[in-house]
């Protein structure tokens, strides 16, 4: 089995894989209602919210779209803060549905500084919402969401819509305490299950906006999900098997404890960053905001980035990600999120070292011991 070290989908534990094979149940029956209740409450310690948590059958992009169409109307002014590919996507979704989007683009590899966000809000008052990615997997950067949220609420009445697809379940996110009005995540990242589910926490201000929002919505309608959840059902046919897996995964995650999981991710990220530097590789992300779920490093001069990922895959059965968009061939991205053992990460780093040598890179002597 390949050592999968991409930002997602991530590996899944054996007991989760076994749970996925269970027989189907009636998603309008009491068994599913009990399952939905367990899963929803199992998510709560990681979302850190007392408000609604709703589960969608879709990808992370689908629930990002849900965040927009359920709170905005065509013509609403939106500030889209982007530090990479997924921040760009969030803004584009809003544009497609007719929002008046102003983009605050940050150099890839850097985080959005709270004072810069505040200045943008002061320069053009009246934004209905601020869109922002918590953890940008295309660059390996984690935005300082707590500080940004404080500025957004101090400088405006704008809703704060947060893409936490690749951070929730892995790093601390205080939805209620930080005033995150609507925050979304996806099953295939930190939750240790396959793709197919997405989750949203919806606060009071987001529900208030929902009442007047006029962007078209049907499958993604938050109100339908809320109303059906109240009777223990989904509005549409759910990914039952993935729900089985999430039920098992959340049991294990809650036994380990949220704080222990956050500490494990922080320690693994620090170790990987140190190993990359020992190989003489340059970290792509601003060290102050380096992600604890994925590490991005620049491909060294003289090495073909595509050849590097191919060599790791073909000769060492280790799969890492290359750069996206304008960073294609320029960086590699090494995932350390969700379910992993430290030895999995160490073996992947060793495969990287060996592959670099194969491609002619001079590894520092200390790293070759």
Protein backbone atom coordinates (compact mmCIF):
# COMPACT_ATOMS: atom_id res chain seq x y z
CA UNK A 1 0.00 0.00 0.00
CA UNK A 2 1.36 3.40 -0.97
CA UNK A 3 2.46 5.82 1.74
CA UNK A 4 -0.02 8.57 0.88
CA UNK A 5 1.33 11.97 1.91
CA UNK A 6 -0.88 14.33 -0.07
CA UNK A 7 -3.20 16.96 1.46
CA UNK A 8 -6.18 14.67 0.90
CA UNK A 9 -7.72 12.23 0.55
CA UNK A 10 -5.74 10.99 3.53
CA UNK A 11 -5.18 7.39 4.70
CA UNK A 12 -7.91 5.77 6.78
CA UNK A 13 -7.61 3.32 9.71
CA UNK A 14 -8.45 -0.35 9.24
CA UNK A 15 -11.52 -0.20 11.49
CA UNK A 16 -12.89 2.70 9.45
CA UNK A 17 -12.36 0.74 6.23
CA UNK A 18 -14.20 -2.19 7.78
CA UNK A 19 -17.08 0.07 8.82
CA UNK A 20 -17.47 1.29 5.24
CA UNK A 21 -18.50 -2.21 4.14
CA UNK A 22 -21.51 -2.47 6.47
CA UNK A 23 -24.94 -3.14 4.97
CA UNK A 24 -27.20 -0.21 4.05
CA UNK A 25 -29.94 1.09 6.32
CA UNK A 26 -33.04 3.20 5.78
CA UNK A 27 -31.92 6.81 5.88
CA UNK A 28 -35.46 7.74 6.91
CA UNK A 29 -35.48 5.28 9.78
CA UNK A 30 -34.47 5.29 13.46
CA UNK A 31 -31.07 3.67 12.83
CA UNK A 32 -29.96 6.55 10.67
CA UNK A 33 -31.38 9.09 13.11
CA UNK A 34 -29.23 7.59 15.86
CA UNK A 35 -26.19 7.57 13.57
CA UNK A 36 -26.72 11.22 12.58
CA UNK A 37 -27.07 12.21 16.22
CA UNK A 38 -23.85 10.45 17.26
CA UNK A 39 -21.85 11.91 14.40
CA UNK A 40 -23.12 15.44 14.95
CA UNK A 41 -22.26 15.36 18.64
CA UNK A 42 -18.92 13.70 17.88
CA UNK A 43 -17.98 16.66 15.68
CA UNK A 44 -18.83 19.26 18.32
CA UNK A 45 -15.60 19.04 20.43
CA UNK A 46 -13.59 19.90 17.31
CA UNK A 47 -15.86 22.64 15.98
CA UNK A 48 -16.05 24.16 19.46
CA UNK A 49 -19.57 25.42 18.88
CA UNK A 50 -22.93 25.21 20.60
CA UNK A 51 -24.75 26.14 17.40
CA UNK A 52 -25.96 24.06 14.46
CA UNK A 53 -23.63 21.55 12.79
CA UNK A 54 -25.05 20.30 9.50
CA UNK A 55 -23.76 17.45 7.34
CA UNK A 56 -23.81 17.58 3.54
CA UNK A 57 -23.21 14.81 1.03
CA UNK A 58 -20.75 16.63 -1.21
CA UNK A 59 -17.12 17.70 -1.44
CA UNK A 60 -15.46 20.54 0.42
CA UNK A 61 -16.04 22.78 -2.58
CA UNK A 62 -19.74 21.97 -2.39
CA UNK A 63 -20.04 23.15 1.18
CA UNK A 64 -17.98 26.27 0.37
CA UNK A 65 -20.63 27.00 -2.25
CA UNK A 66 -23.31 26.34 0.38
CA UNK A 67 -21.73 28.94 2.67
CA UNK A 68 -22.07 31.56 -0.05
CA UNK A 69 -25.49 30.83 -1.56
CA UNK A 70 -27.20 30.55 1.81
CA UNK A 71 -26.01 33.89 3.19
CA UNK A 72 -25.64 36.25 0.21
CA UNK A 73 -27.69 37.84 -2.53
CA UNK A 74 -26.57 38.86 -6.03
CA UNK A 75 -24.89 42.25 -5.87
CA UNK A 76 -23.76 41.90 -2.25
CA UNK A 77 -20.29 43.31 -1.73
CA UNK A 78 -17.82 40.65 -0.61
CA UNK A 79 -14.17 40.83 0.40
CA UNK A 80 -12.41 37.63 -0.68
CA UNK A 81 -9.08 37.22 1.10
CA UNK A 82 -6.86 34.83 -0.84
CA UNK A 83 -3.45 33.40 -0.01
CA UNK A 84 -3.54 30.65 -2.62
CA UNK A 85 -5.53 28.43 -4.94
CA UNK A 86 -8.41 27.66 -2.58
CA UNK A 87 -8.79 31.26 -1.49
CA UNK A 88 -9.10 32.12 -5.18
CA UNK A 89 -11.76 29.44 -5.55
CA UNK A 90 -13.86 30.82 -2.69
CA UNK A 91 -13.99 34.23 -4.35
CA UNK A 92 -14.75 32.74 -7.75
CA UNK A 93 -17.75 30.84 -6.40
CA UNK A 94 -19.17 34.09 -5.03
CA UNK A 95 -18.60 35.81 -8.39
CA UNK A 96 -20.36 33.02 -10.29
CA UNK A 97 -23.48 33.62 -8.17
CA UNK A 98 -23.43 37.37 -8.79
CA UNK A 99 -21.70 38.79 -5.74
CA UNK A 100 -19.68 41.98 -6.15
CA UNK A 101 -16.30 40.56 -5.14
CA UNK A 102 -13.27 42.59 -4.17
CA UNK A 103 -10.17 40.44 -3.95
CA UNK A 104 -7.47 40.95 -1.36
CA UNK A 105 -4.68 38.85 -2.84
CA UNK A 106 -1.68 38.00 -0.67
CA UNK A 107 1.61 36.75 -2.08
CA UNK A 108 1.55 32.94 -2.19
CA UNK A 109 3.57 31.58 0.71
CA UNK A 110 2.48 34.40 3.02
CA UNK A 111 -0.50 34.73 5.35
CA UNK A 112 -3.08 37.50 5.42
CA UNK A 113 -1.98 40.00 8.05
CA UNK A 114 -4.88 41.16 10.25
CA UNK A 115 -3.99 44.85 9.88
CA UNK A 116 -4.07 44.52 6.08
CA UNK A 117 -7.53 42.96 6.25
CA UNK A 118 -8.63 45.74 8.60
CA UNK A 119 -7.33 48.41 6.23
CA UNK A 120 -9.25 46.87 3.34
CA UNK A 121 -12.46 46.93 5.37
CA UNK A 122 -11.94 50.55 6.39
CA UNK A 123 -11.13 51.62 2.84
CA UNK A 124 -14.49 50.50 1.48
CA UNK A 125 -17.13 50.09 4.21
CA UNK A 126 -20.25 48.08 3.60
CA UNK A 127 -19.06 44.56 2.87
CA UNK A 128 -21.71 41.91 3.47
CA UNK A 129 -19.18 39.12 4.01
CA UNK A 130 -15.50 38.29 4.24
CA UNK A 131 -14.42 34.99 2.68
CA UNK A 132 -11.20 33.42 3.92
CA UNK A 133 -9.36 30.12 3.94
CA UNK A 134 -8.02 29.00 7.32
CA UNK A 135 -5.41 26.56 6.03
CA UNK A 136 -4.22 26.94 2.43
CA UNK A 137 -3.01 23.55 1.20
CA UNK A 138 -1.69 24.97 -2.06
CA UNK A 139 1.00 26.89 -0.18
CA UNK A 140 1.30 25.27 3.25
CA UNK A 141 0.18 28.41 5.09
CA UNK A 142 -2.25 28.73 8.01
CA UNK A 143 -3.96 32.09 8.30
CA UNK A 144 -4.15 33.64 11.81
CA UNK A 145 -7.91 33.30 11.86
CA UNK A 146 -8.43 34.34 15.47
CA UNK A 147 -6.70 37.69 14.96
CA UNK A 148 -8.32 38.23 11.56
CA UNK A 149 -11.76 37.51 13.00
CA UNK A 150 -11.18 40.06 15.74
CA UNK A 151 -10.33 42.71 13.15
CA UNK A 152 -13.26 41.82 10.88
CA UNK A 153 -15.74 42.21 13.71
CA UNK A 154 -14.10 45.39 15.03
CA UNK A 155 -14.05 47.09 11.63
CA UNK A 156 -17.32 45.92 10.07
CA UNK A 157 -20.60 44.09 10.38
CA UNK A 158 -19.53 41.65 7.68
CA UNK A 159 -20.21 37.95 8.04
CA UNK A 160 -17.07 35.84 8.37
CA UNK A 161 -17.30 32.76 6.14
CA UNK A 162 -14.38 30.38 6.69
CA UNK A 163 -13.05 27.49 4.62
CA UNK A 164 -11.55 25.12 7.23
CA UNK A 165 -11.63 22.09 4.93
CA UNK A 166 -8.01 21.13 5.66
CA UNK A 167 -7.65 22.41 9.23
CA UNK A 168 -10.72 21.39 11.20
CA UNK A 169 -10.09 18.27 13.27
CA UNK A 170 -6.33 18.81 13.14
CA UNK A 171 -5.67 22.23 14.66
CA UNK A 172 -7.56 24.39 17.17
CA UNK A 173 -10.61 26.19 15.78
CA UNK A 174 -12.78 28.08 18.28
CA UNK A 175 -15.87 28.68 16.17
CA UNK A 176 -17.97 30.44 18.80
CA UNK A 177 -15.21 32.16 20.77
CA UNK A 178 -13.67 33.66 17.62
CA UNK A 179 -17.00 34.70 16.10
CA UNK A 180 -16.80 32.56 12.95
CA UNK A 181 -20.26 32.94 11.48
CA UNK A 182 -20.15 29.98 9.11
CA UNK A 183 -17.29 27.51 8.89
CA UNK A 184 -16.98 24.45 6.67
CA UNK A 185 -14.85 21.32 6.41
CA UNK A 186 -14.61 18.08 4.39
CA UNK A 187 -14.45 14.44 5.40
CA UNK A 188 -11.35 13.43 3.45
CA UNK A 189 -8.87 15.62 5.34
CA UNK A 190 -8.54 15.49 9.12
CA UNK A 191 -11.53 13.25 9.78
CA UNK A 192 -9.87 9.99 8.68
CA UNK A 193 -12.61 8.92 6.25
CA UNK A 194 -13.05 8.93 2.46
CA UNK A 195 -14.39 11.87 0.46
CA UNK A 196 -18.14 12.31 0.23
CA UNK A 197 -19.23 14.29 3.28
CA UNK A 198 -18.86 17.94 4.21
CA UNK A 199 -19.83 19.69 7.41
CA UNK A 200 -20.86 23.24 8.26
CA UNK A 201 -21.24 25.02 11.59
CA UNK A 202 -23.80 27.81 11.30
CA UNK A 203 -24.00 30.63 13.83
CA UNK A 204 -26.87 33.03 14.61
CA UNK A 205 -25.71 35.83 12.30
CA UNK A 206 -25.43 33.38 9.40
CA UNK A 207 -28.97 32.17 10.04
CA UNK A 208 -30.16 35.77 10.11
CA UNK A 209 -28.50 36.36 6.73
CA UNK A 210 -30.05 33.14 5.42
CA UNK A 211 -33.52 34.58 5.91
CA UNK A 212 -32.92 37.36 3.40
CA UNK A 213 -30.37 35.73 1.04
CA UNK A 214 -31.65 35.34 -2.53
CA UNK A 215 -28.90 33.47 -4.34
CA UNK A 216 -30.40 30.33 -5.93
CA UNK A 217 -30.12 27.17 -3.87
CA UNK A 218 -31.81 23.81 -3.75
CA UNK A 219 -29.57 20.83 -2.97
CA UNK A 220 -27.33 23.05 -0.82
CA UNK A 221 -30.15 24.75 1.09
CA UNK A 222 -29.11 25.13 4.74
CA UNK A 223 -32.68 25.46 5.89
CA UNK A 224 -33.65 22.10 4.43
CA UNK A 225 -30.64 20.48 6.12
CA UNK A 226 -31.54 22.10 9.45
CA UNK A 227 -35.20 21.11 9.27
CA UNK A 228 -34.51 17.51 8.33
CA UNK A 229 -31.72 17.18 10.91
CA UNK A 230 -34.28 18.13 13.56
CA UNK A 231 -36.15 14.88 12.78
CA UNK A 232 -32.96 12.81 12.40
CA UNK A 233 -32.89 12.71 8.62
CA UNK A 234 -30.98 14.18 5.67
CA UNK A 235 -32.92 16.15 3.06
CA UNK A 236 -31.44 14.03 0.27
CA UNK A 237 -29.95 10.54 0.01
CA UNK A 238 -26.75 10.60 2.10
CA UNK A 239 -23.40 8.84 1.73
CA UNK A 240 -24.42 6.20 4.26
CA UNK A 241 -21.15 4.26 4.09
CA UNK A 242 -19.05 7.35 4.75
CA UNK A 243 -21.30 8.14 7.70
CA UNK A 244 -20.53 4.67 9.08
CA UNK A 245 -16.84 5.41 8.75
CA UNK A 246 -17.12 8.86 10.32
CA UNK A 247 -19.00 7.38 13.26
CA UNK A 248 -16.10 5.01 13.96
CA UNK A 249 -13.44 7.65 13.31
CA UNK A 250 -15.03 10.20 15.63
CA UNK A 251 -15.19 7.62 18.41
CA UNK A 252 -11.43 7.10 18.13
CA UNK A 253 -10.73 10.82 17.78
CA UNK A 254 -12.74 11.68 20.87
CA UNK A 255 -10.99 8.94 22.82
CA UNK A 256 -7.63 10.45 21.85
CA UNK A 257 -9.00 13.91 22.65
CA UNK A 258 -9.04 17.08 20.59
CA UNK A 259 -6.15 18.72 22.42
CA UNK A 260 -3.98 15.60 22.05
CA UNK A 261 -4.74 15.47 18.33
CA UNK A 262 -3.83 19.13 17.93
CA UNK A 263 -0.57 18.55 19.81
CA UNK A 264 0.23 15.51 17.65
CA UNK A 265 -0.23 17.51 14.47
CA UNK A 266 1.90 20.39 15.77
CA UNK A 267 4.71 18.03 16.78
CA UNK A 268 4.63 16.16 13.47
CA UNK A 269 4.67 19.41 11.49
CA UNK A 270 7.65 20.75 13.45
CA UNK A 271 9.55 17.50 12.91
CA UNK A 272 8.86 17.45 9.16
CA UNK A 273 9.89 21.08 8.77
CA UNK A 274 13.13 20.33 10.60
CA UNK A 275 13.78 17.31 8.42
CA UNK A 276 13.20 19.32 5.25
CA UNK A 277 15.65 21.98 6.38
CA UNK A 278 18.18 19.28 7.26
CA UNK A 279 17.93 18.14 3.64
CA UNK A 280 18.89 21.66 2.60
CA UNK A 281 15.41 22.41 1.26
CA UNK A 282 13.81 25.83 1.55
CA UNK A 283 10.42 26.00 3.25
CA UNK A 284 7.96 27.79 1.00
CA UNK A 285 5.65 29.14 3.71
CA UNK A 286 6.39 32.09 5.97
CA UNK A 287 7.69 30.28 9.10
CA UNK A 288 5.43 32.37 11.34
CA UNK A 289 2.37 30.87 9.67
CA UNK A 290 3.55 27.45 8.54
CA UNK A 291 0.70 24.96 8.36
CA UNK A 292 0.49 22.11 10.85
CA UNK A 293 -1.25 19.89 8.32
CA UNK A 294 0.92 20.26 5.21
CA UNK A 295 4.48 21.37 4.55
CA UNK A 296 5.42 22.98 1.23
CA UNK A 297 9.05 23.24 0.16
CA UNK A 298 10.67 24.71 -2.93
CA UNK A 299 12.08 22.27 -5.45
CA UNK A 300 15.86 22.81 -5.42
CA UNK A 301 17.64 24.24 -8.45
CA UNK A 302 18.58 21.59 -10.97
CA UNK A 303 15.83 19.17 -9.92
CA UNK A 304 12.73 18.55 -12.02
CA UNK A 305 9.72 18.78 -9.69
CA UNK A 306 7.59 16.37 -11.72
CA UNK A 307 10.45 13.88 -11.92
CA UNK A 308 10.86 14.13 -8.15
CA UNK A 309 7.25 13.19 -7.36
CA UNK A 310 7.36 10.44 -10.01
CA UNK A 311 10.58 8.96 -8.59
CA UNK A 312 9.12 8.86 -5.09
CA UNK A 313 5.98 7.16 -6.36
CA UNK A 314 7.60 4.67 -8.72
CA UNK A 315 10.70 3.73 -6.75
CA UNK A 316 9.57 4.15 -3.14
CA UNK A 317 5.75 3.84 -3.24
CA UNK A 318 5.43 7.24 -1.55
CA UNK A 319 2.93 9.73 -2.96
CA UNK A 320 3.37 13.45 -2.36
CA UNK A 321 1.77 16.41 -4.14
CA UNK A 322 3.34 18.88 -6.51
CA UNK A 323 2.52 22.55 -6.81
CA UNK A 324 -0.82 23.84 -8.09
CA UNK A 325 -1.43 26.53 -10.68
CA UNK A 326 1.47 28.94 -10.98
CA UNK A 327 3.49 26.84 -8.53
CA UNK A 328 3.39 23.69 -10.68
CA UNK A 329 6.88 22.19 -10.78
CA UNK A 330 8.20 24.75 -8.30
CA UNK A 331 7.18 23.25 -4.96
CA UNK A 332 6.32 19.90 -3.44
CA UNK A 333 3.68 19.47 -0.76
CA UNK A 334 3.98 16.92 2.03
CA UNK A 335 0.83 16.08 3.99
CA UNK A 336 0.83 15.24 7.70
CA UNK A 337 -2.83 15.39 8.64
CA UNK A 338 -5.53 13.06 9.83
CA UNK A 339 -4.56 9.50 10.70
CA UNK A 340 -0.83 8.87 10.56
CA UNK A 341 1.99 7.25 12.48
CA UNK A 342 5.27 9.08 12.91
CA UNK A 343 7.10 6.28 11.12
CA UNK A 344 4.94 6.91 8.03
CA UNK A 345 6.21 10.47 7.90
CA UNK A 346 9.83 9.52 8.58
CA UNK A 347 9.76 6.86 5.86
CA UNK A 348 8.35 9.39 3.41
CA UNK A 349 11.10 11.87 4.25
CA UNK A 350 13.69 9.15 3.70
CA UNK A 351 12.11 8.39 0.31
CA UNK A 352 12.38 12.09 -0.51
CA UNK A 353 16.06 12.11 0.45
CA UNK A 354 16.80 9.06 -1.68
CA UNK A 355 14.85 10.43 -4.64
CA UNK A 356 16.69 13.75 -4.50
CA UNK A 357 19.99 11.89 -4.60
CA UNK A 358 18.78 9.83 -7.56
CA UNK A 359 18.03 13.07 -9.41
CA UNK A 360 21.48 14.49 -8.74
CA UNK A 361 20.81 16.71 -5.75
CA UNK A 362 23.66 17.05 -3.27
CA UNK A 363 22.14 16.21 0.09
CA UNK A 364 23.98 17.80 3.06
CA UNK A 365 26.20 15.27 4.76
CA UNK A 366 24.37 15.47 8.08
CA UNK A 367 21.09 14.56 6.39
CA UNK A 368 22.55 11.51 4.68
CA UNK A 369 23.51 9.77 7.93
